[in-house]
Amino acid sequence: MAANNVLAHVPDLHDFVGGFKLLLKPSGTATFEFPHLLRLIEERQFDTIYHEHFSYFSFLVVEKIFAGHGLRIYDVESLATHGGSLRIFVCHADAPFARTGRVDDTITAERAASLDRIGGYDGFDKSVADIKCALLSFLIEARHAGKSVVGYGAPAKGNTLLNYCGVGPELLPYTVDLSPHKQGRYLPGVQIPIYAPDHIFATKPDFVLILPWNIKEEIMERMAAIRQWGGRFVVPIPKLGVLS
C-alpha cells in the first residue's frame, strides 16, 4: 500500500493511521511520503506552510504515531521532492523486517538539529522575517533602478510568500504559469495577474522570480532564452539569490 503526500493532509490522523493497521497484511508493507520538517526548518521553507497541510512531520514524531497503532517504521528514504521529503516503510510491529541503518541515521540527524526539543525551533521566525526583508529590498531597489521583475509560477507556496511579504502588482506586475486553468486569473490576496509563459518573451523583463523554487532547475532550463536579452533568475528561499 502507498500513501504519497497524503499524511500531511489528514485532519483525523489517528483514525487514518489506525485504518492502515486494519488493512495491512501481516507481512505487508505500507509506504508514506511527506515533506520533512528538518528540511523545512533548515532551509527556511515557510512558504510550504499553508491550509492544505494539517501537520508537518519529523521522523521522531511519525515514529511515535505509528507505534501507537502497533505499526513500525523499518526503513526510510530521503527524497528531493517538495524541497525535501521522507518516504517511510511501515509494517506491523511483529513483522520480520529488519530495521535499517537509515532509520537510525535520520533519528540522529533530527536530534542533532534539536527537533526533539523546543530549542530546535528557536530563531525560525527571525529567519522567515529575514527572507521577507531581503525580497522586499530587492524588489524595491529594482523598481527604483528602473528594472522589471516578474514571476514564474502560481503555486500555493508562491501565494504564501507574496501575501506574507505584501508584494503586489506594483512590485511584481505579473506572473506566468503553464496551467491554462490559472492563466487569465489572479493570485489570491495580492491580485497579481497570471499569464502564459510566452508573456515573458513578449515583455523581456530583467528578472524572473521563481516562485516554485523546488523545481528551479527545470524552470531555468525551460526559460533559458531570457538570457538572450540579459534576463536573470531570482530565487527567494532559502535565501534570496540572483542566478545567471
Protein backbone atom coordinates (compact mmCIF):
# COMPACT_ATOMS: atom_id res chain seq x y z
CA MET A 1 0.00 0.00 0.00
CA ALA A 2 1.17 3.51 -0.73
CA ALA A 3 0.05 6.92 0.53
CA ASN A 4 2.29 9.52 -1.05
CA ASN A 5 1.79 13.12 0.07
CA VAL A 6 -1.38 12.23 1.92
CA LEU A 7 -0.38 12.03 5.58
CA ALA A 8 0.17 15.79 5.96
CA HIS A 9 -3.31 16.47 4.54
CA VAL A 10 -5.24 14.29 7.01
CA PRO A 11 -7.29 16.09 9.71
CA ASP A 12 -8.01 12.94 11.79
CA LEU A 13 -4.53 11.50 11.87
CA HIS A 14 -5.05 8.65 14.33
CA ASP A 15 -8.16 7.40 12.56
CA PHE A 16 -6.24 7.41 9.28
CA VAL A 17 -3.20 5.55 10.62
CA GLY A 18 -5.41 3.13 12.53
CA GLY A 19 -7.08 2.22 9.25
CA PHE A 20 -3.74 1.08 7.84
CA LYS A 21 -3.31 -1.19 10.86
CA LEU A 22 -6.55 -2.92 9.83
CA LEU A 23 -5.81 -3.04 6.12
CA LEU A 24 -2.18 -4.12 6.13
CA LYS A 25 -1.45 -7.82 5.66
CA PRO A 26 0.64 -9.49 8.43
CA SER A 27 3.71 -9.47 6.18
CA GLY A 28 2.77 -6.38 4.20
CA THR A 29 4.45 -3.00 3.80
CA ALA A 30 2.86 0.42 3.55
CA THR A 31 4.80 3.45 2.33
CA PHE A 32 4.12 7.08 3.13
CA GLU A 33 5.73 10.24 1.79
CA PHE A 34 5.58 13.68 3.37
CA PRO A 35 7.66 16.88 3.48
CA HIS A 36 10.45 16.57 6.04
CA LEU A 37 10.26 19.05 8.91
CA LEU A 38 14.04 19.02 9.22
CA ARG A 39 14.43 20.41 5.72
CA LEU A 40 11.62 22.92 6.29
CA ILE A 41 13.43 24.33 9.34
CA GLU A 42 16.98 24.19 7.98
CA GLU A 43 16.11 25.69 4.59
CA ARG A 44 13.51 28.16 5.89
CA GLN A 45 10.75 26.77 3.70
CA PHE A 46 7.99 28.68 5.48
CA ASP A 47 6.09 29.15 2.23
CA THR A 48 5.21 25.45 2.24
CA ILE A 49 3.05 26.08 5.32
CA TYR A 50 -0.48 26.56 4.03
CA HIS A 51 -4.07 25.49 4.65
CA GLU A 52 -3.93 22.16 2.78
CA HIS A 53 -1.47 20.78 5.33
CA PHE A 54 -2.77 19.85 8.76
CA SER A 55 0.61 18.61 10.03
CA TYR A 56 4.35 18.96 9.44
CA PHE A 57 6.27 15.89 10.48
CA SER A 58 9.65 14.99 11.82
CA PHE A 59 10.63 11.33 11.69
CA LEU A 60 10.70 11.29 15.51
CA VAL A 61 7.03 12.27 15.70
CA VAL A 62 5.87 9.98 12.90
CA GLU A 63 7.59 7.00 14.51
CA LYS A 64 5.62 7.59 17.73
CA ILE A 65 2.34 7.99 15.84
CA PHE A 66 2.68 4.68 14.03
CA ALA A 67 3.98 2.88 17.12
CA GLY A 68 0.83 3.96 18.95
CA HIS A 69 -1.15 1.91 16.43
CA GLY A 70 1.02 -1.20 16.55
CA LEU A 71 2.98 -0.31 13.43
CA ARG A 72 6.74 0.00 13.00
CA ILE A 73 8.91 2.03 10.62
CA TYR A 74 11.71 -0.23 9.44
CA ASP A 75 13.20 1.88 6.64
CA VAL A 76 13.25 5.47 5.37
CA GLU A 77 14.42 7.27 2.23
CA SER A 78 15.27 10.94 1.81
CA LEU A 79 13.78 12.44 -1.35
CA ALA A 80 14.26 15.73 -3.15
CA THR A 81 10.55 16.27 -3.84
CA HIS A 82 8.75 19.28 -2.33
CA GLY A 83 12.02 20.74 -1.10
CA GLY A 84 12.92 17.57 0.79
CA SER A 85 10.64 14.70 1.78
CA LEU A 86 10.78 11.40 3.61
CA ARG A 87 9.45 8.09 2.35
CA ILE A 88 8.88 5.72 5.23
CA PHE A 89 8.33 1.95 5.06
CA VAL A 90 5.86 0.68 7.64
CA CYS A 91 4.99 -2.84 8.81
CA HIS A 92 3.25 -4.46 11.75
CA ALA A 93 5.24 -4.28 14.98
CA ASP A 94 5.89 -8.04 14.96
CA ALA A 95 6.66 -8.33 11.21
CA PRO A 96 10.04 -9.86 10.30
CA PHE A 97 11.51 -6.78 8.58
CA ALA A 98 14.89 -5.69 9.96
CA ARG A 99 15.35 -2.05 10.88
CA THR A 100 17.82 -0.37 8.53
CA GLY A 101 20.64 1.97 9.37
CA ARG A 102 18.85 4.78 7.54
CA VAL A 103 16.28 4.88 10.33
CA ASP A 104 18.98 5.46 12.94
CA ASP A 105 20.75 7.99 10.72
CA THR A 106 17.56 10.01 10.32
CA ILE A 107 16.88 9.99 14.04
CA THR A 108 20.47 11.07 14.74
CA ALA A 109 20.19 13.96 12.28
CA GLU A 110 16.92 15.20 13.80
CA ARG A 111 18.24 15.01 17.34
CA ALA A 112 21.39 16.82 16.28
CA ALA A 113 19.12 19.60 14.99
CA SER A 114 17.24 19.55 18.33
CA LEU A 115 13.92 18.72 16.72
CA ASP A 116 13.07 16.80 19.89
CA ARG A 117 13.46 19.99 21.92
CA ILE A 118 11.90 23.44 21.73
CA GLY A 119 15.31 24.97 21.11
CA GLY A 120 15.40 23.43 17.66
CA TYR A 121 12.64 25.80 16.58
CA ASP A 122 14.02 28.99 18.11
CA GLY A 123 15.02 31.53 15.52
CA PHE A 124 12.84 30.19 12.73
CA ASP A 125 10.57 33.23 12.93
CA LYS A 126 13.53 35.59 12.61
CA SER A 127 14.88 33.71 9.58
CA VAL A 128 11.46 33.99 7.93
CA ALA A 129 11.41 37.75 8.57
CA ASP A 130 14.90 37.99 7.05
CA ILE A 131 13.60 36.39 3.84
CA LYS A 132 10.75 38.89 3.73
CA CYS A 133 13.08 41.85 4.18
CA ALA A 134 15.54 40.57 1.57
CA LEU A 135 12.82 40.03 -1.04
CA LEU A 136 11.21 43.41 -0.44
CA SER A 137 14.58 45.16 -0.57
CA PHE A 138 15.41 43.50 -3.87
CA LEU A 139 12.06 44.36 -5.46
CA ILE A 140 12.09 47.96 -4.24
CA GLU A 141 15.68 48.53 -5.34
CA ALA A 142 14.92 47.03 -8.74
CA ARG A 143 11.94 49.35 -9.15
CA HIS A 144 13.99 52.40 -8.18
CA ALA A 145 16.68 51.34 -10.66
CA GLY A 146 14.13 51.05 -13.47
CA LYS A 147 14.48 47.26 -13.65
CA SER A 148 11.49 44.98 -14.22
CA VAL A 149 10.82 41.86 -12.14
CA VAL A 150 8.09 39.34 -12.96
CA GLY A 151 7.16 35.97 -11.52
CA TYR A 152 7.23 32.43 -12.78
CA GLY A 153 4.61 30.05 -11.43
CA ALA A 154 1.39 30.35 -9.44
CA PRO A 155 1.87 27.66 -6.76
CA ALA A 156 0.37 27.65 -3.29
CA LYS A 157 3.81 28.33 -1.84
CA GLY A 158 4.06 31.44 -4.00
CA ASN A 159 0.78 32.77 -2.64
CA THR A 160 2.02 32.26 0.91
CA LEU A 161 5.29 34.04 0.18
CA LEU A 162 3.83 37.03 -1.65
CA ASN A 163 0.93 37.59 0.74
CA TYR A 164 3.22 37.41 3.78
CA CYS A 165 5.68 39.82 2.19
CA GLY A 166 2.93 42.16 0.97
CA VAL A 167 4.10 42.03 -2.64
CA GLY A 168 1.50 43.30 -5.08
CA PRO A 169 1.49 44.21 -8.79
CA GLU A 170 3.32 47.45 -8.06
CA LEU A 171 6.44 45.36 -7.39
CA LEU A 172 5.62 42.19 -9.36
CA PRO A 173 3.35 43.23 -12.25
CA TYR A 174 2.55 39.66 -13.30
CA THR A 175 3.45 36.01 -13.04
CA VAL A 176 3.14 33.18 -15.56
CA ASP A 177 2.09 29.57 -15.29
CA LEU A 178 1.94 26.58 -17.62
CA SER A 179 -1.54 25.62 -16.42
CA PRO A 180 -4.27 27.03 -18.69
CA HIS A 181 -6.63 26.81 -15.71
CA LYS A 182 -4.61 29.53 -13.93
CA GLN A 183 -3.94 31.78 -16.92
CA GLY A 184 -6.20 34.81 -17.13
CA ARG A 185 -6.80 34.76 -13.39
CA TYR A 186 -5.16 36.44 -10.38
CA LEU A 187 -3.13 35.30 -7.41
CA PRO A 188 -5.45 35.39 -4.38
CA GLY A 189 -4.91 38.22 -1.95
CA VAL A 190 -2.20 40.11 -3.83
CA GLN A 191 -4.21 40.24 -7.10
CA ILE A 192 -1.21 39.70 -9.38
CA PRO A 193 -2.35 38.64 -12.88
CA ILE A 194 -1.33 35.27 -14.31
CA TYR A 195 -0.34 34.85 -17.96
CA ALA A 196 1.04 32.08 -20.16
CA PRO A 197 4.85 31.72 -20.09
CA ASP A 198 5.20 33.28 -23.56
CA HIS A 199 4.28 36.64 -21.99
CA ILE A 200 7.79 36.77 -20.54
CA PHE A 201 9.32 36.66 -24.01
CA ALA A 202 6.96 39.40 -25.16
CA THR A 203 7.84 41.77 -22.30
CA LYS A 204 11.52 40.84 -21.75
CA PRO A 205 11.85 41.55 -18.01
CA ASP A 206 15.22 42.00 -16.34
CA PHE A 207 14.50 39.40 -13.64
CA VAL A 208 12.22 36.37 -13.29
CA LEU A 209 11.33 35.45 -9.71
CA ILE A 210 10.88 31.67 -9.49
CA LEU A 211 8.05 31.00 -7.04
CA PRO A 212 8.13 27.16 -7.23
CA TRP A 213 11.81 27.22 -6.17
CA ASN A 214 11.83 23.44 -5.65
CA ILE A 215 11.85 22.96 -9.45
CA LYS A 216 14.08 25.91 -10.29
CA GLU A 217 16.45 23.85 -12.46
CA GLU A 218 13.58 22.70 -14.67
CA ILE A 219 12.24 26.24 -14.99
CA MET A 220 15.65 27.76 -15.73
CA GLU A 221 16.17 25.21 -18.49
CA ARG A 222 12.73 25.82 -19.97
CA MET A 223 13.14 29.61 -19.86
CA ALA A 224 16.85 29.75 -20.71
CA ALA A 225 16.16 32.11 -23.63
CA ILE A 226 15.70 35.05 -21.22
CA ARG A 227 19.49 35.23 -21.12
CA GLN A 228 19.42 36.47 -24.73
CA TRP A 229 18.42 39.94 -23.50
CA GLY A 230 20.36 39.72 -20.24
CA GLY A 231 17.47 38.42 -18.13
CA ARG A 232 18.33 36.67 -14.88
CA PHE A 233 16.55 34.33 -12.49
CA VAL A 234 15.85 35.01 -8.82
CA VAL A 235 15.01 32.52 -6.06
CA PRO A 236 13.71 33.70 -2.67
CA ILE A 237 14.34 30.61 -0.50
CA PRO A 238 16.36 29.50 1.49
CA LYS A 239 17.83 32.94 0.88
CA LEU A 240 17.44 35.40 -1.91
CA GLY A 241 19.76 34.65 -4.79
CA VAL A 242 20.20 36.04 -8.32
CA LEU A 243 21.17 33.26 -10.72
CA SER A 244 22.78 33.67 -14.12
